[in-house]
């Protein structure tokens, strides 16, 4: 079993558990030496690569990543390489036949909405569906918007 541990005292790591033995180990807990924001969604492709999102909706831990993103971790390599950056990523899907990764942006304009003061406004960001070509260069730039939501 693969689990994404979020923030709010959740561990902020990608963990694998052997369901027969109960043994667990961390696949990745840091990116470029800093903790993730709050791991959330997971997709695994046919080659065993794990794609996961790192948004930040709530939690009291410090935010040490420069933004939110989706990442990929290989089956024989611990750690992760950044695949795409969105302001607020939500959900991830890997297409076997098309070689694409799809994710949506649900940017409410605030990383930690529970800390908003009464009457405080946020600057809304993209609410859109994005598609990434997995054969593209290692650090993909902002993809074209496929469809506004």
Protein backbone atom coordinates (compact mmCIF):
# COMPACT_ATOMS: atom_id res chain seq x y z
CA UNK A 1 0.00 0.00 0.00
CA UNK A 2 1.22 3.50 -0.86
CA UNK A 3 -0.01 6.38 1.33
CA UNK A 4 0.38 10.14 1.04
CA UNK A 5 0.71 11.63 4.51
CA UNK A 6 -0.52 15.22 4.62
CA UNK A 7 0.07 18.13 6.96
CA UNK A 8 -1.63 19.02 10.24
CA UNK A 9 0.66 16.56 12.08
CA UNK A 10 0.27 13.93 9.36
CA UNK A 11 3.92 13.31 8.53
CA UNK A 12 4.20 15.03 5.09
CA UNK A 13 5.77 11.99 3.39
CA UNK A 14 5.08 9.27 0.81
CA UNK A 15 5.05 5.92 2.65
CA UNK A 16 4.95 2.31 1.45
CA UNK A 17 3.57 -0.45 3.69
CA UNK A 18 3.95 -4.19 3.11
CA UNK A 19 0.47 -5.44 3.99
CA UNK A 20 1.71 -8.99 4.75
CA UNK A 21 4.33 -7.95 7.29
CA UNK A 22 3.07 -4.53 8.39
CA UNK A 23 6.55 -3.07 7.73
CA UNK A 24 6.48 0.54 6.51
CA UNK A 25 9.16 2.79 5.07
CA UNK A 26 9.35 6.31 3.76
CA UNK A 27 9.77 6.54 -0.02
CA UNK A 28 10.29 10.30 0.08
CA UNK A 29 9.87 12.89 2.82
CA UNK A 30 11.90 15.81 1.47
CA UNK A 31 12.37 17.58 -1.84
CA UNK A 32 15.65 19.47 -2.27
CA UNK A 33 16.27 19.10 1.47
CA UNK A 34 12.94 20.61 2.60
CA UNK A 35 9.73 18.93 3.82
CA UNK A 36 6.78 18.70 1.47
CA UNK A 37 3.75 20.95 2.04
CA UNK A 38 1.04 18.29 2.50
CA UNK A 39 1.05 15.25 0.21
CA UNK A 40 -2.40 14.39 -1.06
CA UNK A 41 -3.24 12.53 -4.32
CA UNK A 42 -1.42 9.50 -5.77
CA UNK A 43 -1.34 7.84 -9.21
CA UNK A 44 0.92 4.93 -10.24
CA UNK A 45 1.76 4.20 -13.89
CA UNK A 46 2.39 0.81 -15.50
CA UNK A 47 6.17 1.17 -14.96
CA UNK A 48 5.67 1.59 -11.20
CA UNK A 49 6.43 5.31 -11.13
CA UNK A 50 4.46 7.13 -8.45
CA UNK A 51 2.99 10.56 -9.18
CA UNK A 52 1.75 12.56 -6.22
CA UNK A 53 0.48 16.03 -5.46
CA UNK A 54 1.71 18.40 -2.78
CA UNK A 55 -0.92 21.09 -2.18
CA UNK A 56 -1.41 22.96 1.07
CA UNK A 57 -4.96 23.49 2.26
CA UNK A 58 -4.36 23.51 5.98
CA UNK A 59 -1.87 22.54 8.67
CA UNK A 60 0.19 24.25 11.32
CA UNK A 61 3.65 23.14 10.14
CA UNK A 62 5.87 25.69 8.40
CA UNK A 63 5.68 25.86 4.61
CA UNK A 64 9.18 25.28 3.26
CA UNK A 65 8.58 24.47 -0.41
CA UNK A 66 8.46 27.52 -2.73
CA UNK A 67 5.03 26.50 -4.04
CA UNK A 68 2.73 23.58 -4.64
CA UNK A 69 3.52 20.94 -7.25
CA UNK A 70 3.06 17.43 -8.57
CA UNK A 71 6.04 15.08 -8.30
CA UNK A 72 7.22 11.73 -9.65
CA UNK A 73 9.16 9.04 -7.78
CA UNK A 74 10.56 6.03 -9.63
CA UNK A 75 10.11 2.38 -8.56
CA UNK A 76 13.85 1.77 -8.04
CA UNK A 77 14.78 5.25 -6.85
CA UNK A 78 13.82 6.84 -3.59
CA UNK A 79 13.06 10.53 -3.65
CA UNK A 80 11.20 12.60 -6.18
CA UNK A 81 11.75 14.83 -9.15
CA UNK A 82 9.48 17.78 -9.77
CA UNK A 83 7.27 17.33 -12.81
CA UNK A 84 5.01 20.34 -12.79
CA UNK A 85 4.17 23.43 -10.80
CA UNK A 86 0.72 24.83 -10.21
CA UNK A 87 -0.46 27.39 -7.70
CA UNK A 88 -2.88 24.92 -6.09
CA UNK A 89 -2.83 21.39 -7.48
CA UNK A 90 -5.76 19.09 -6.77
CA UNK A 91 -6.00 15.53 -8.09
CA UNK A 92 -3.71 13.62 -10.46
CA UNK A 93 -4.27 11.01 -13.17
CA UNK A 94 -1.74 9.22 -15.38
CA UNK A 95 -2.91 7.99 -18.80
CA UNK A 96 -1.38 4.67 -19.80
CA UNK A 97 -2.18 4.95 -23.48
CA UNK A 98 -1.53 8.65 -24.05
CA UNK A 99 1.68 9.17 -22.04
CA UNK A 100 0.14 12.12 -20.21
CA UNK A 101 -0.36 13.28 -16.67
CA UNK A 102 -3.50 15.29 -15.93
CA UNK A 103 -4.01 17.49 -12.91
CA UNK A 104 -6.35 20.26 -11.93
CA UNK A 105 -5.70 23.59 -10.29
CA UNK A 106 -8.15 24.66 -7.62
CA UNK A 107 -6.52 27.86 -6.44
CA UNK A 108 -8.62 29.54 -3.79
CA UNK A 109 -5.91 32.16 -3.34
CA UNK A 110 -4.83 31.14 0.14
CA UNK A 111 -2.67 28.23 1.29
CA UNK A 112 -3.99 28.14 4.82
CA UNK A 113 -7.56 29.33 4.61
CA UNK A 114 -8.20 28.53 8.28
CA UNK A 115 -5.97 31.50 9.17
CA UNK A 116 -8.03 34.06 7.24
CA UNK A 117 -9.38 36.88 9.35
CA UNK A 118 -13.05 37.75 9.18
CA UNK A 119 -13.73 39.79 6.04
CA UNK A 120 -10.27 39.14 4.56
CA UNK A 121 -10.35 38.56 0.77
CA UNK A 122 -8.14 36.28 -1.29
CA UNK A 123 -6.82 36.66 -4.82
CA UNK A 124 -8.32 33.76 -6.77
CA UNK A 125 -6.02 31.83 -9.09
CA UNK A 126 -6.58 29.27 -11.83
CA UNK A 127 -9.45 26.81 -11.71
CA UNK A 128 -8.49 24.69 -14.68
CA UNK A 129 -7.50 21.26 -15.94
CA UNK A 130 -3.89 20.83 -17.13
CA UNK A 131 -2.26 18.09 -19.20
CA UNK A 132 1.48 17.31 -19.16
CA UNK A 133 3.33 15.28 -21.78
CA UNK A 134 5.37 12.74 -19.79
CA UNK A 135 7.94 12.51 -22.59
CA UNK A 136 8.71 16.24 -22.27
CA UNK A 137 11.92 17.47 -20.69
CA UNK A 138 12.61 16.60 -17.06
CA UNK A 139 11.36 19.83 -15.46
CA UNK A 140 8.18 20.64 -17.33
CA UNK A 141 7.07 24.23 -17.45
CA UNK A 142 3.50 25.41 -16.96
CA UNK A 143 1.43 23.31 -19.38
CA UNK A 144 -1.25 24.62 -21.69
CA UNK A 145 -4.64 24.91 -20.04
CA UNK A 146 -6.84 22.17 -21.43
CA UNK A 147 -10.19 23.25 -20.08
CA UNK A 148 -11.38 25.91 -17.68
CA UNK A 149 -13.41 24.55 -14.80
